[in-house]
Amino acid sequence: MEGKLRKAKGSIAVDLDNTLADTSGVVVGMIRERYNPEATMEGWKHYSAEKSFGVPHPTNLKLFHEAWKSWRKIPLVDGSIPNVLSRVHENANIYIITATVGRKEDFTNWLDSNRIPYDGITVVSHFDEKITEGSLRNIRTYIDDHESVVRSVAAAGKKAILFERPWNLDFAKSNTDQNIIPASSWKEIGRILDSLHGVSSKQ
């Protein structure tokens, strides 16, 4: 549930799609059923569904919109998220900053139903606006699955935790930027946040 601002050691921005919510897991099922029977999450090698499965960008956006209309069916990407973020929230403000499509009400319902604490949610029209929004809230650390987002965060001198998904694995393996920290699980993200924000990540 959206929280009141508190004294905190810092602020954190967290992406929604595919960083918290396994929206692409739902969407790939739609793609497999309607357009490409060979589509799998492992085959989603590019951030673009068009490059991965031949599904045009406008169609992909419609599928994400459809998925969020049935937000109750979207699982967490990692079952440890509520526990990790509850501990993080003891010492840091948490802002959800997303460029996904759908109704904000559905996003907040999903967050609340999964017991994910947050101090605000902002929906931007393009990923590059995440940095602008983050600057307004003095955000020190971003958690995202989008290569372009973490590159922009690092270029701005902030810390970015790259949550590893099939479409960013090649970049995660080749990355040498010390401001970009790849993580394969939310328990690992908890340990990273512990070092950055003095948060206990014990499970």
N, C-alpha and C. Protein backbone atom coordinates (compact mmCIF):
# COMPACT_ATOMS: atom_id res chain seq x y z
N MET A 1 0.84 -1.19 0.00
CA MET A 1 0.00 0.00 0.00
C MET A 1 0.88 1.24 0.00
N GLU A 2 0.41 2.28 -0.69
CA GLU A 2 1.17 3.51 -0.77
C GLU A 2 1.37 4.07 0.62
N GLY A 3 2.61 4.40 0.95
CA GLY A 3 2.91 4.84 2.30
C GLY A 3 3.16 6.33 2.39
N LYS A 4 3.25 6.81 3.64
CA LYS A 4 3.56 8.21 3.88
C LYS A 4 5.07 8.38 3.88
N LEU A 5 5.52 9.55 3.44
CA LEU A 5 6.96 9.80 3.41
C LEU A 5 7.51 9.77 4.83
N ARG A 6 8.67 9.15 4.98
CA ARG A 6 9.29 9.00 6.27
C ARG A 6 10.74 9.40 6.17
N LYS A 7 11.38 9.61 7.30
CA LYS A 7 12.81 9.82 7.28
C LYS A 7 13.45 8.52 6.84
N ALA A 8 14.33 8.60 5.85
CA ALA A 8 14.92 7.39 5.30
C ALA A 8 16.35 7.68 4.87
N LYS A 9 17.12 6.60 4.71
CA LYS A 9 18.51 6.74 4.31
C LYS A 9 18.65 7.00 2.81
N GLY A 10 17.58 6.87 2.07
CA GLY A 10 17.63 7.09 0.64
C GLY A 10 16.32 6.66 0.03
N SER A 11 16.24 6.84 -1.27
CA SER A 11 15.05 6.45 -2.01
C SER A 11 15.43 5.51 -3.14
N ILE A 12 14.53 4.57 -3.43
CA ILE A 12 14.76 3.54 -4.43
C ILE A 12 13.63 3.58 -5.44
N ALA A 13 13.99 3.45 -6.73
CA ALA A 13 12.99 3.34 -7.79
C ALA A 13 12.95 1.89 -8.26
N VAL A 14 11.75 1.33 -8.36
CA VAL A 14 11.58 -0.05 -8.77
C VAL A 14 10.64 -0.09 -9.97
N ASP A 15 11.07 -0.78 -11.01
CA ASP A 15 10.24 -1.00 -12.19
C ASP A 15 9.13 -1.99 -11.84
N LEU A 16 8.05 -2.00 -12.64
CA LEU A 16 6.92 -2.89 -12.38
C LEU A 16 6.96 -4.14 -13.25
N ASP A 17 6.77 -3.97 -14.57
CA ASP A 17 6.76 -5.12 -15.48
C ASP A 17 8.09 -5.85 -15.47
N ASN A 18 8.03 -7.15 -15.18
CA ASN A 18 9.17 -8.05 -15.32
C ASN A 18 10.28 -7.82 -14.31
N THR A 19 10.08 -6.85 -13.42
CA THR A 19 10.98 -6.66 -12.29
C THR A 19 10.27 -7.06 -11.01
N LEU A 20 9.00 -6.71 -10.92
CA LEU A 20 8.12 -7.17 -9.84
C LEU A 20 7.07 -8.15 -10.36
N ALA A 21 6.36 -7.71 -11.41
CA ALA A 21 5.26 -8.49 -11.96
C ALA A 21 5.71 -9.28 -13.18
N ASP A 22 5.37 -10.56 -13.23
CA ASP A 22 5.77 -11.40 -14.36
C ASP A 22 4.78 -11.23 -15.51
N THR A 23 4.66 -9.99 -15.97
CA THR A 23 3.71 -9.68 -17.04
C THR A 23 4.08 -10.38 -18.34
N SER A 24 5.36 -10.42 -18.66
CA SER A 24 5.77 -11.06 -19.91
C SER A 24 5.51 -12.56 -19.89
N GLY A 25 5.51 -13.16 -18.69
CA GLY A 25 5.16 -14.56 -18.61
C GLY A 25 3.72 -14.80 -19.04
N VAL A 26 2.84 -13.85 -18.72
CA VAL A 26 1.44 -13.93 -19.15
C VAL A 26 1.34 -13.63 -20.64
N VAL A 27 2.03 -12.59 -21.08
CA VAL A 27 1.96 -12.16 -22.47
C VAL A 27 2.52 -13.22 -23.42
N VAL A 28 3.60 -13.87 -23.03
CA VAL A 28 4.19 -14.88 -23.92
C VAL A 28 3.22 -16.04 -24.14
N GLY A 29 2.39 -16.32 -23.14
CA GLY A 29 1.36 -17.33 -23.32
C GLY A 29 0.34 -16.91 -24.37
N MET A 30 -0.02 -15.63 -24.38
CA MET A 30 -0.94 -15.10 -25.39
C MET A 30 -0.31 -15.16 -26.78
N ILE A 31 0.98 -14.80 -26.84
CA ILE A 31 1.68 -14.83 -28.12
C ILE A 31 1.75 -16.26 -28.66
N ARG A 32 2.03 -17.20 -27.78
CA ARG A 32 2.13 -18.60 -28.19
C ARG A 32 0.77 -19.12 -28.68
N GLU A 33 -0.28 -18.72 -28.02
CA GLU A 33 -1.62 -19.20 -28.37
C GLU A 33 -2.16 -18.55 -29.64
N ARG A 34 -1.82 -17.26 -29.86
CA ARG A 34 -2.47 -16.51 -30.94
C ARG A 34 -1.60 -16.27 -32.16
N TYR A 35 -0.28 -16.19 -31.97
CA TYR A 35 0.57 -15.73 -33.08
C TYR A 35 1.74 -16.65 -33.40
N ASN A 36 2.39 -17.17 -32.39
CA ASN A 36 3.63 -17.93 -32.62
C ASN A 36 3.70 -19.09 -31.64
N PRO A 37 3.35 -20.30 -32.07
CA PRO A 37 3.32 -21.45 -31.15
C PRO A 37 4.69 -21.82 -30.59
N GLU A 38 5.76 -21.26 -31.16
CA GLU A 38 7.11 -21.57 -30.68
C GLU A 38 7.58 -20.59 -29.61
N ALA A 39 6.77 -19.59 -29.28
CA ALA A 39 7.20 -18.54 -28.35
C ALA A 39 7.37 -19.10 -26.93
N THR A 40 8.50 -18.76 -26.31
CA THR A 40 8.77 -19.13 -24.92
C THR A 40 9.48 -17.97 -24.24
N MET A 41 9.48 -17.97 -22.93
CA MET A 41 10.23 -16.93 -22.21
C MET A 41 11.72 -17.02 -22.51
N GLU A 42 12.22 -18.25 -22.62
CA GLU A 42 13.65 -18.43 -22.91
C GLU A 42 14.00 -17.86 -24.29
N GLY A 43 13.02 -17.86 -25.19
CA GLY A 43 13.26 -17.33 -26.53
C GLY A 43 13.08 -15.84 -26.66
N TRP A 44 12.69 -15.18 -25.56
CA TRP A 44 12.50 -13.72 -25.59
C TRP A 44 13.88 -13.08 -25.43
N LYS A 45 14.69 -13.21 -26.45
CA LYS A 45 16.10 -12.81 -26.38
C LYS A 45 16.32 -11.32 -26.59
N HIS A 46 15.32 -10.65 -27.15
CA HIS A 46 15.40 -9.20 -27.36
C HIS A 46 14.30 -8.54 -26.55
N TYR A 47 14.55 -7.30 -26.11
CA TYR A 47 13.48 -6.59 -25.37
C TYR A 47 12.25 -6.45 -26.26
N SER A 48 12.47 -6.34 -27.55
CA SER A 48 11.39 -6.22 -28.52
C SER A 48 10.76 -7.58 -28.81
N ALA A 49 9.43 -7.67 -28.62
CA ALA A 49 8.72 -8.91 -28.97
C ALA A 49 8.69 -9.10 -30.48
N GLU A 50 8.79 -8.00 -31.22
CA GLU A 50 8.79 -8.11 -32.68
C GLU A 50 10.05 -8.82 -33.15
N LYS A 51 11.20 -8.45 -32.57
CA LYS A 51 12.45 -9.10 -32.94
C LYS A 51 12.50 -10.55 -32.46
N SER A 52 11.88 -10.81 -31.33
CA SER A 52 11.93 -12.16 -30.76
C SER A 52 10.93 -13.10 -31.39
N PHE A 53 9.70 -12.60 -31.64
CA PHE A 53 8.62 -13.50 -32.06
C PHE A 53 7.85 -13.03 -33.28
N GLY A 54 8.23 -11.88 -33.85
CA GLY A 54 7.53 -11.38 -35.02
C GLY A 54 6.20 -10.71 -34.70
N VAL A 55 6.00 -10.33 -33.44
CA VAL A 55 4.76 -9.65 -33.04
C VAL A 55 4.97 -8.14 -33.09
N PRO A 56 4.25 -7.40 -33.91
CA PRO A 56 4.44 -5.96 -34.04
C PRO A 56 4.27 -5.23 -32.71
N HIS A 57 4.99 -4.13 -32.56
CA HIS A 57 4.98 -3.39 -31.30
C HIS A 57 3.57 -2.98 -30.86
N PRO A 58 2.73 -2.44 -31.74
CA PRO A 58 1.37 -2.06 -31.30
C PRO A 58 0.58 -3.25 -30.76
N THR A 59 0.75 -4.41 -31.38
CA THR A 59 0.06 -5.62 -30.91
C THR A 59 0.60 -6.02 -29.54
N ASN A 60 1.89 -5.94 -29.36
CA ASN A 60 2.50 -6.27 -28.07
C ASN A 60 1.97 -5.37 -26.97
N LEU A 61 1.84 -4.08 -27.25
CA LEU A 61 1.30 -3.15 -26.25
C LEU A 61 -0.12 -3.53 -25.87
N LYS A 62 -0.92 -3.93 -26.86
CA LYS A 62 -2.30 -4.34 -26.58
C LYS A 62 -2.33 -5.57 -25.69
N LEU A 63 -1.38 -6.49 -25.90
CA LEU A 63 -1.33 -7.68 -25.09
C LEU A 63 -0.98 -7.36 -23.63
N PHE A 64 -0.06 -6.44 -23.43
CA PHE A 64 0.28 -6.02 -22.06
C PHE A 64 -0.91 -5.33 -21.41
N HIS A 65 -1.61 -4.51 -22.18
CA HIS A 65 -2.80 -3.84 -21.66
C HIS A 65 -3.85 -4.88 -21.25
N GLU A 66 -4.02 -5.89 -22.09
CA GLU A 66 -4.97 -6.95 -21.79
C GLU A 66 -4.55 -7.72 -20.54
N ALA A 67 -3.27 -7.99 -20.41
CA ALA A 67 -2.78 -8.72 -19.24
C ALA A 67 -3.10 -7.96 -17.96
N TRP A 68 -2.91 -6.64 -17.99
CA TRP A 68 -3.14 -5.86 -16.78
C TRP A 68 -4.62 -5.72 -16.44
N LYS A 69 -5.50 -5.89 -17.42
CA LYS A 69 -6.92 -5.89 -17.12
C LYS A 69 -7.28 -7.09 -16.23
N SER A 70 -6.49 -8.15 -16.33
CA SER A 70 -6.68 -9.34 -15.49
C SER A 70 -5.52 -9.44 -14.51
N TRP A 71 -5.29 -8.38 -13.77
CA TRP A 71 -4.10 -8.26 -12.92
C TRP A 71 -4.00 -9.37 -11.88
N ARG A 72 -5.11 -9.95 -11.48
CA ARG A 72 -5.06 -11.02 -10.48
C ARG A 72 -4.31 -12.25 -11.00
N LYS A 73 -4.21 -12.39 -12.32
CA LYS A 73 -3.57 -13.56 -12.91
C LYS A 73 -2.05 -13.36 -13.10
N ILE A 74 -1.56 -12.17 -12.81
CA ILE A 74 -0.13 -11.90 -12.99
C ILE A 74 0.64 -12.29 -11.73
N PRO A 75 1.56 -13.23 -11.81
CA PRO A 75 2.31 -13.64 -10.62
C PRO A 75 3.51 -12.71 -10.37
N LEU A 76 4.06 -12.81 -9.18
CA LEU A 76 5.33 -12.18 -8.88
C LEU A 76 6.43 -12.86 -9.69
N VAL A 77 7.46 -12.10 -10.07
CA VAL A 77 8.60 -12.73 -10.73
C VAL A 77 9.43 -13.55 -9.74
N ASP A 78 9.29 -13.25 -8.45
CA ASP A 78 10.09 -13.89 -7.41
C ASP A 78 9.29 -13.82 -6.11
N GLY A 79 9.05 -14.96 -5.51
CA GLY A 79 8.22 -14.99 -4.31
C GLY A 79 8.80 -14.29 -3.11
N SER A 80 10.10 -13.97 -3.13
CA SER A 80 10.72 -13.31 -1.98
C SER A 80 10.57 -11.79 -2.02
N ILE A 81 9.97 -11.24 -3.08
CA ILE A 81 9.87 -9.79 -3.23
C ILE A 81 9.20 -9.10 -2.04
N PRO A 82 8.01 -9.54 -1.59
CA PRO A 82 7.37 -8.82 -0.47
C PRO A 82 8.24 -8.75 0.77
N ASN A 83 8.91 -9.85 1.09
CA ASN A 83 9.76 -9.87 2.27
C ASN A 83 10.96 -8.94 2.10
N VAL A 84 11.62 -9.01 0.94
CA VAL A 84 12.79 -8.16 0.69
C VAL A 84 12.41 -6.69 0.75
N LEU A 85 11.35 -6.30 0.06
CA LEU A 85 10.99 -4.88 0.01
C LEU A 85 10.43 -4.38 1.34
N SER A 86 9.80 -5.25 2.12
CA SER A 86 9.35 -4.83 3.45
C SER A 86 10.55 -4.46 4.32
N ARG A 87 11.61 -5.25 4.21
CA ARG A 87 12.82 -4.94 4.97
C ARG A 87 13.48 -3.67 4.44
N VAL A 88 13.50 -3.52 3.11
CA VAL A 88 14.08 -2.32 2.51
C VAL A 88 13.32 -1.08 2.97
N HIS A 89 12.01 -1.22 3.08
CA HIS A 89 11.16 -0.08 3.41
C HIS A 89 11.39 0.45 4.82
N GLU A 90 12.04 -0.33 5.66
CA GLU A 90 12.36 0.13 7.00
C GLU A 90 13.34 1.30 6.97
N ASN A 91 14.18 1.36 5.93
CA ASN A 91 15.24 2.37 5.86
C ASN A 91 15.23 3.21 4.59
N ALA A 92 14.35 2.90 3.67
CA ALA A 92 14.37 3.62 2.38
C ALA A 92 12.95 3.81 1.87
N ASN A 93 12.73 4.94 1.20
CA ASN A 93 11.47 5.15 0.50
C ASN A 93 11.51 4.36 -0.81
N ILE A 94 10.37 3.79 -1.18
CA ILE A 94 10.29 2.98 -2.39
C ILE A 94 9.28 3.61 -3.34
N TYR A 95 9.74 3.93 -4.56
CA TYR A 95 8.86 4.48 -5.58
C TYR A 95 8.79 3.50 -6.75
N ILE A 96 7.57 3.21 -7.18
CA ILE A 96 7.37 2.40 -8.37
C ILE A 96 7.32 3.36 -9.56
N ILE A 97 8.24 3.20 -10.50
CA ILE A 97 8.26 4.04 -11.70
C ILE A 97 8.22 3.11 -12.91
N THR A 98 7.16 3.20 -13.67
CA THR A 98 6.92 2.23 -14.73
C THR A 98 6.48 2.91 -16.02
N ALA A 99 6.83 2.29 -17.13
CA ALA A 99 6.38 2.76 -18.45
C ALA A 99 5.41 1.76 -19.06
N THR A 100 4.81 0.92 -18.23
CA THR A 100 3.90 -0.08 -18.77
C THR A 100 2.57 0.55 -19.18
N VAL A 101 1.72 -0.24 -19.82
CA VAL A 101 0.43 0.26 -20.29
C VAL A 101 -0.68 -0.40 -19.47
N GLY A 102 -1.72 0.37 -19.21
CA GLY A 102 -2.82 -0.13 -18.41
C GLY A 102 -3.33 0.93 -17.47
N ARG A 103 -4.22 0.53 -16.58
CA ARG A 103 -4.80 1.47 -15.63
C ARG A 103 -3.97 1.49 -14.34
N LYS A 104 -3.71 2.69 -13.86
CA LYS A 104 -2.94 2.80 -12.62
C LYS A 104 -3.64 2.07 -11.49
N GLU A 105 -4.95 2.09 -11.49
CA GLU A 105 -5.71 1.40 -10.46
C GLU A 105 -5.39 -0.09 -10.43
N ASP A 106 -5.21 -0.68 -11.61
CA ASP A 106 -4.86 -2.11 -11.68
C ASP A 106 -3.46 -2.35 -11.14
N PHE A 107 -2.54 -1.42 -11.41
CA PHE A 107 -1.18 -1.56 -10.89
C PHE A 107 -1.19 -1.51 -9.36
N THR A 108 -1.90 -0.54 -8.80
CA THR A 108 -1.92 -0.40 -7.33
C THR A 108 -2.64 -1.59 -6.69
N ASN A 109 -3.69 -2.07 -7.33
CA ASN A 109 -4.38 -3.25 -6.80
C ASN A 109 -3.44 -4.45 -6.76
N TRP A 110 -2.65 -4.61 -7.82
CA TRP A 110 -1.70 -5.73 -7.87
C TRP A 110 -0.65 -5.59 -6.77
N LEU A 111 -0.10 -4.40 -6.64
CA LEU A 111 0.92 -4.17 -5.61
C LEU A 111 0.37 -4.45 -4.21
N ASP A 112 -0.82 -3.92 -3.94
CA ASP A 112 -1.41 -4.08 -2.61
C ASP A 112 -1.76 -5.55 -2.34
N SER A 113 -2.27 -6.25 -3.36
CA SER A 113 -2.66 -7.65 -3.17
C SER A 113 -1.45 -8.54 -2.93
N ASN A 114 -0.28 -8.10 -3.39
CA ASN A 114 0.95 -8.86 -3.19
C ASN A 114 1.78 -8.34 -2.01
N ARG A 115 1.19 -7.42 -1.25
CA ARG A 115 1.81 -6.90 -0.01
C ARG A 115 3.17 -6.26 -0.28
N ILE A 116 3.22 -5.48 -1.35
CA ILE A 116 4.46 -4.79 -1.71
C ILE A 116 4.35 -3.34 -1.23
N PRO A 117 5.23 -2.92 -0.31
CA PRO A 117 5.16 -1.54 0.19
C PRO A 117 5.74 -0.56 -0.81
N TYR A 118 5.16 0.63 -0.86
CA TYR A 118 5.69 1.67 -1.74
C TYR A 118 5.18 3.02 -1.27
N ASP A 119 5.93 4.07 -1.60
CA ASP A 119 5.60 5.42 -1.17
C ASP A 119 5.02 6.27 -2.29
N GLY A 120 4.94 5.71 -3.48
CA GLY A 120 4.35 6.41 -4.60
C GLY A 120 4.51 5.60 -5.86
N ILE A 121 3.65 5.83 -6.84
CA ILE A 121 3.76 5.15 -8.12
C ILE A 121 3.58 6.19 -9.22
N THR A 122 4.48 6.16 -10.19
CA THR A 122 4.44 7.07 -11.33
C THR A 122 4.47 6.27 -12.61
N VAL A 123 3.55 6.59 -13.51
CA VAL A 123 3.53 5.95 -14.83
C VAL A 123 4.04 6.95 -15.85
N VAL A 124 5.13 6.62 -16.54
CA VAL A 124 5.73 7.50 -17.54
C VAL A 124 5.41 6.96 -18.92
N SER A 125 5.53 7.81 -19.92
CA SER A 125 5.20 7.40 -21.28
C SER A 125 6.37 6.76 -22.01
N HIS A 126 7.58 6.98 -21.50
CA HIS A 126 8.77 6.40 -22.13
C HIS A 126 9.82 6.15 -21.07
N PHE A 127 10.65 5.12 -21.28
CA PHE A 127 11.59 4.71 -20.25
C PHE A 127 12.56 5.82 -19.85
N ASP A 128 12.93 6.71 -20.80
CA ASP A 128 13.92 7.74 -20.46
C ASP A 128 13.39 8.76 -19.46
N GLU A 129 12.07 8.80 -19.26
CA GLU A 129 11.49 9.70 -18.28
C GLU A 129 11.69 9.19 -16.86
N LYS A 130 12.09 7.94 -16.71
CA LYS A 130 12.31 7.40 -15.38
C LYS A 130 13.41 8.16 -14.64
N ILE A 131 14.44 8.57 -15.37
CA ILE A 131 15.54 9.30 -14.74
C ILE A 131 15.06 10.66 -14.26
N THR A 132 14.26 11.33 -15.08
CA THR A 132 13.72 12.64 -14.69
C THR A 132 12.86 12.52 -13.45
N GLU A 133 11.96 11.55 -13.45
CA GLU A 133 11.09 11.34 -12.29
C GLU A 133 11.91 10.98 -11.06
N GLY A 134 12.93 10.17 -11.24
CA GLY A 134 13.77 9.79 -10.12
C GLY A 134 14.53 10.96 -9.53
N SER A 135 14.97 11.87 -10.38
CA SER A 135 15.70 13.05 -9.91
C SER A 135 14.83 13.92 -9.01
N LEU A 136 13.54 13.97 -9.32
CA LEU A 136 12.61 14.77 -8.52
C LEU A 136 12.45 14.21 -7.11
N ARG A 137 12.74 12.93 -6.95
CA ARG A 137 12.55 12.26 -5.65
C ARG A 137 13.87 11.88 -4.98
N ASN A 138 14.96 12.40 -5.51
CA ASN A 138 16.28 12.15 -4.93
C ASN A 138 16.58 10.65 -4.82
N ILE A 139 16.26 9.93 -5.89
CA ILE A 139 16.46 8.49 -5.89
C ILE A 139 17.93 8.15 -6.14
N ARG A 140 18.45 7.27 -5.31
CA ARG A 140 19.86 6.87 -5.40
C ARG A 140 20.05 5.59 -6.20
N THR A 141 19.06 4.71 -6.13
CA THR A 141 19.21 3.38 -6.71
C THR A 141 17.97 3.01 -7.51
N TYR A 142 18.19 2.46 -8.69
CA TYR A 142 17.10 2.00 -9.56
C TYR A 142 17.20 0.49 -9.73
N ILE A 143 16.04 -0.17 -9.75
CA ILE A 143 15.99 -1.60 -10.03
C ILE A 143 15.13 -1.78 -11.27
N ASP A 144 15.70 -2.34 -12.33
CA ASP A 144 15.01 -2.40 -13.62
C ASP A 144 15.55 -3.56 -14.44
N ASP A 145 14.75 -3.99 -15.43
CA ASP A 145 15.20 -5.07 -16.32
C ASP A 145 15.59 -4.56 -17.70
N HIS A 146 15.45 -3.25 -17.93
CA HIS A 146 15.67 -2.67 -19.25
C HIS A 146 17.11 -2.16 -19.37
N GLU A 147 17.84 -2.68 -20.33
CA GLU A 147 19.24 -2.29 -20.53
C GLU A 147 19.38 -0.78 -20.70
N SER A 148 18.50 -0.17 -21.50
CA SER A 148 18.62 1.27 -21.76
C SER A 148 18.40 2.09 -20.49
N VAL A 149 17.51 1.62 -19.61
CA VAL A 149 17.27 2.34 -18.36
C VAL A 149 18.51 2.30 -17.48
N VAL A 150 19.09 1.12 -17.29
CA VAL A 150 20.24 1.04 -16.39
C VAL A 150 21.45 1.76 -16.97
N ARG A 151 21.59 1.77 -18.28
CA ARG A 151 22.67 2.55 -18.89
C ARG A 151 22.50 4.04 -18.59
N SER A 152 21.26 4.53 -18.71
CA SER A 152 20.99 5.95 -18.44
C SER A 152 21.22 6.28 -16.97
N VAL A 153 20.81 5.37 -16.09
CA VAL A 153 21.02 5.57 -14.66
C VAL A 153 22.52 5.67 -14.35
N ALA A 154 23.28 4.74 -14.90
CA ALA A 154 24.72 4.73 -14.66
C ALA A 154 25.38 5.99 -15.20
N ALA A 155 24.93 6.44 -16.37
CA ALA A 155 25.50 7.65 -16.97
C ALA A 155 25.22 8.88 -16.12
N ALA A 156 24.12 8.83 -15.35
CA ALA A 156 23.77 9.94 -14.47
C ALA A 156 24.49 9.84 -13.12
N GLY A 157 25.33 8.82 -12.95
CA GLY A 157 26.09 8.68 -11.72
C GLY A 157 25.34 8.01 -10.59
N LYS A 158 24.20 7.37 -10.90
CA LYS A 158 23.43 6.65 -9.90
C LYS A 158 23.71 5.16 -10.01
N LYS A 159 23.25 4.42 -9.01
CA LYS A 159 23.41 2.97 -9.02
C LYS A 159 22.18 2.32 -9.66
N ALA A 160 22.42 1.33 -10.51
CA ALA A 160 21.35 0.58 -11.15
C ALA A 160 21.54 -0.90 -10.89
N ILE A 161 20.50 -1.55 -10.39
CA ILE A 161 20.50 -3.00 -10.25
C ILE A 161 19.73 -3.56 -11.43
N LEU A 162 20.41 -4.33 -12.26
CA LEU A 162 19.79 -4.93 -13.43
C LEU A 162 19.25 -6.31 -13.07
N PHE A 163 17.92 -6.44 -13.03
CA PHE A 163 17.32 -7.73 -12.76
C PHE A 163 17.40 -8.57 -14.02
N GLU A 164 18.10 -9.68 -13.93
CA GLU A 164 18.40 -10.47 -15.12
C GLU A 164 17.16 -11.19 -15.65
N ARG A 165 16.89 -10.94 -16.93
CA ARG A 165 15.82 -11.62 -17.67
C ARG A 165 16.41 -12.07 -19.00
N PRO A 166 15.74 -12.95 -19.76
CA PRO A 166 16.34 -13.48 -20.99
C PRO A 166 16.81 -12.41 -21.96
N TRP A 167 16.10 -11.28 -22.03
CA TRP A 167 16.44 -10.23 -23.02
C TRP A 167 17.62 -9.37 -22.61
N ASN A 168 18.12 -9.50 -21.38
CA ASN A 168 19.26 -8.67 -21.00
C ASN A 168 20.48 -9.47 -20.55
N LEU A 169 20.44 -10.80 -20.71
CA LEU A 169 21.52 -11.63 -20.19
C LEU A 169 22.86 -11.37 -20.86
N ASP A 170 22.84 -11.16 -22.17
CA ASP A 170 24.10 -10.90 -22.88
C ASP A 170 24.73 -9.61 -22.35
N PHE A 171 23.91 -8.59 -22.17
CA PHE A 171 24.42 -7.33 -21.63
C PHE A 171 24.91 -7.52 -20.19
N ALA A 172 24.16 -8.24 -19.38
CA ALA A 172 24.56 -8.45 -17.99
C ALA A 172 25.92 -9.13 -17.89
N LYS A 173 26.17 -10.09 -18.78
CA LYS A 173 27.43 -10.82 -18.75
C LYS A 173 28.61 -9.97 -19.23
N SER A 174 28.34 -9.05 -20.15
CA SER A 174 29.43 -8.25 -20.73
C SER A 174 29.62 -6.91 -20.01
N ASN A 175 28.72 -6.55 -19.13
CA ASN A 175 28.77 -5.25 -18.47
C ASN A 175 30.04 -5.06 -17.64
N THR A 176 30.64 -3.89 -17.76
CA THR A 176 31.81 -3.56 -16.95
C THR A 176 31.62 -2.26 -16.17
N ASP A 177 30.45 -1.67 -16.28
CA ASP A 177 30.16 -0.41 -15.59
C ASP A 177 29.89 -0.70 -14.12
N GLN A 178 30.67 -0.11 -13.23
CA GLN A 178 30.54 -0.38 -11.80
C GLN A 178 29.25 0.18 -11.22
N ASN A 179 28.59 1.08 -11.93
CA ASN A 179 27.32 1.61 -11.46
C ASN A 179 26.14 0.70 -11.83
N ILE A 180 26.40 -0.34 -12.61
CA ILE A 180 25.36 -1.31 -12.99
C ILE A 180 25.68 -2.65 -12.34
N ILE A 181 24.77 -3.12 -11.51
CA ILE A 181 25.00 -4.35 -10.76
C ILE A 181 23.95 -5.39 -11.16
N PRO A 182 24.33 -6.41 -11.92
CA PRO A 182 23.37 -7.46 -12.30
C PRO A 182 22.98 -8.30 -11.09
N ALA A 183 21.74 -8.78 -11.08
CA ALA A 183 21.26 -9.66 -10.01
C ALA A 183 20.29 -10.67 -10.61
N SER A 184 20.44 -11.93 -10.23
CA SER A 184 19.62 -12.99 -10.82
C SER A 184 18.40 -13.33 -9.99
N SER A 185 18.31 -12.79 -8.76
CA SER A 185 17.16 -13.09 -7.90
C SER A 185 16.91 -11.90 -6.98
N TRP A 186 15.73 -11.90 -6.35
CA TRP A 186 15.43 -10.81 -5.42
C TRP A 186 16.15 -10.98 -4.09
N LYS A 187 16.52 -12.19 -3.74
CA LYS A 187 17.35 -12.34 -2.54
C LYS A 187 18.71 -11.69 -2.76
N GLU A 188 19.22 -11.82 -3.97
CA GLU A 188 20.48 -11.17 -4.31
C GLU A 188 20.30 -9.65 -4.32
N ILE A 189 19.19 -9.18 -4.85
CA ILE A 189 18.90 -7.74 -4.83
C ILE A 189 18.86 -7.25 -3.39
N GLY A 190 18.26 -8.03 -2.48
CA GLY A 190 18.23 -7.65 -1.08
C GLY A 190 19.61 -7.47 -0.49
N ARG A 191 20.53 -8.36 -0.84
CA ARG A 191 21.90 -8.25 -0.33
C ARG A 191 22.60 -7.01 -0.89
N ILE A 192 22.32 -6.71 -2.16
CA ILE A 192 22.92 -5.52 -2.78
C ILE A 192 22.39 -4.26 -2.10
N LEU A 193 21.08 -4.21 -1.86
CA LEU A 193 20.49 -3.05 -1.19
C LEU A 193 21.00 -2.91 0.22
N ASP A 194 21.30 -4.03 0.87
CA ASP A 194 21.89 -3.99 2.20
C ASP A 194 23.19 -3.21 2.18
N SER A 195 24.02 -3.49 1.18
CA SER A 195 25.31 -2.81 1.10
C SER A 195 25.18 -1.35 0.69
N LEU A 196 24.13 -1.04 -0.09
CA LEU A 196 23.97 0.33 -0.58
C LEU A 196 23.21 1.23 0.38
N HIS A 197 22.24 0.64 1.11
CA HIS A 197 21.33 1.44 1.94
C HIS A 197 21.29 1.03 3.40
N GLY A 198 22.17 0.12 3.79
CA GLY A 198 22.16 -0.30 5.19
C GLY A 198 20.89 -1.04 5.56
N VAL A 199 20.37 -1.83 4.63
CA VAL A 199 19.13 -2.57 4.84
C VAL A 199 19.46 -4.01 5.20
N SER A 200 18.78 -4.54 6.21
CA SER A 200 18.96 -5.95 6.52
C SER A 200 18.22 -6.79 5.50
N SER A 201 18.91 -7.72 4.88
CA SER A 201 18.28 -8.57 3.85
C SER A 201 18.18 -10.02 4.31
N LYS A 202 18.32 -10.27 5.60
CA LYS A 202 18.23 -11.65 6.08
C LYS A 202 16.82 -12.16 5.85
N GLN A 203 16.73 -13.40 5.43
CA GLN A 203 15.43 -13.99 5.13
C GLN A 203 14.88 -14.72 6.35
